[in-house]
Amino acid sequence: MCLFCAAVPTVLSLGFAARHEQRKQQTQAATRGLAPVIPSVPIGQLTAAALAVVVAAAVAYHTHLGG
C-alpha cells in the first residue's frame, strides 16, 4: 500500500476524532447551561478537503508514476 493510500483512513479517523471532540465540548457546555460553543474551525469541511487532496495525490501517483 502506498503512502497516499495509507493516509486515507488516517485522515478520516483524525477528522472523526476532532468532530467528536467538538460535539463533546458542545454537549458539556449545554449541560452546564452555558452558551453553545460555536466551532471556529469547520472540521467536516477540512476533513473533506484533506481527503480530496490525499485521494487526488494517490490517483496521480498510481496513474503517472506507475505505482
Protein backbone atom coordinates (compact mmCIF):
# COMPACT_ATOMS: atom_id res chain seq x y z
CA MET A 1 0.00 0.00 0.00
CA CYS A 2 1.41 3.36 -0.96
CA LEU A 3 1.81 6.31 1.38
CA PHE A 4 -1.18 8.16 -0.06
CA CYS A 5 -3.50 5.15 0.10
CA ALA A 6 -2.46 4.54 3.71
CA ALA A 7 -3.20 8.18 4.55
CA VAL A 8 -6.89 7.92 3.58
CA PRO A 9 -8.06 6.08 6.74
CA THR A 10 -5.74 8.22 8.85
CA VAL A 11 -7.28 11.45 7.56
CA LEU A 12 -10.79 10.09 8.12
CA SER A 13 -10.10 8.89 11.65
CA LEU A 14 -8.47 12.17 12.65
CA GLY A 15 -11.42 14.10 11.22
CA PHE A 16 -13.93 11.94 13.05
CA ALA A 17 -11.99 12.25 16.30
CA ALA A 18 -11.82 16.04 16.00
CA ARG A 19 -15.54 16.26 15.25
CA HIS A 20 -16.31 14.02 18.21
CA GLU A 21 -14.26 16.28 20.47
CA GLN A 22 -16.15 19.35 19.21
CA ARG A 23 -19.50 17.69 19.86
CA LYS A 24 -18.36 16.64 23.32
CA GLN A 25 -17.43 20.23 24.16
CA GLN A 26 -20.78 21.47 22.86
CA THR A 27 -22.64 18.90 24.95
CA GLN A 28 -20.66 19.80 28.07
CA ALA A 29 -21.38 23.49 27.56
CA ALA A 30 -25.08 22.79 27.13
CA THR A 31 -25.12 20.61 30.24
CA ARG A 32 -23.54 23.39 32.28
CA GLY A 33 -26.06 25.90 30.99
CA LEU A 34 -23.50 27.90 29.04
CA ALA A 35 -23.98 29.29 25.58
CA PRO A 36 -23.34 26.70 22.89
CA VAL A 37 -19.79 26.61 21.65
CA ILE A 38 -19.64 27.75 18.05
CA PRO A 39 -16.95 25.79 16.22
CA SER A 40 -14.25 28.13 14.99
CA VAL A 41 -12.96 25.53 12.54
CA PRO A 42 -15.34 23.61 10.26
CA ILE A 43 -13.92 20.13 10.91
CA GLY A 44 -16.16 18.39 8.39
CA GLN A 45 -15.12 20.67 5.55
CA LEU A 46 -11.44 20.46 6.49
CA THR A 47 -11.62 16.68 6.61
CA ALA A 48 -13.31 16.54 3.22
CA ALA A 49 -10.72 18.87 1.71
CA ALA A 50 -7.81 16.89 3.16
CA LEU A 51 -9.36 13.66 1.95
CA ALA A 52 -9.80 15.08 -1.55
CA VAL A 53 -6.13 16.13 -1.63
CA VAL A 54 -4.94 12.72 -0.45
CA VAL A 55 -7.14 10.85 -2.94
CA ALA A 56 -6.04 13.13 -5.78
CA ALA A 57 -2.40 12.56 -4.84
CA ALA A 58 -2.98 8.79 -4.78
CA VAL A 59 -4.63 8.88 -8.19
CA ALA A 60 -1.81 10.97 -9.62
CA TYR A 61 0.80 8.68 -8.08
CA HIS A 62 -0.79 5.49 -9.36
CA THR A 63 -1.56 6.77 -12.86
CA HIS A 64 1.52 8.85 -13.66
CA LEU A 65 4.26 7.14 -11.73
CA GLY A 66 3.13 3.61 -12.37
CA GLY A 67 2.98 2.72 -8.69
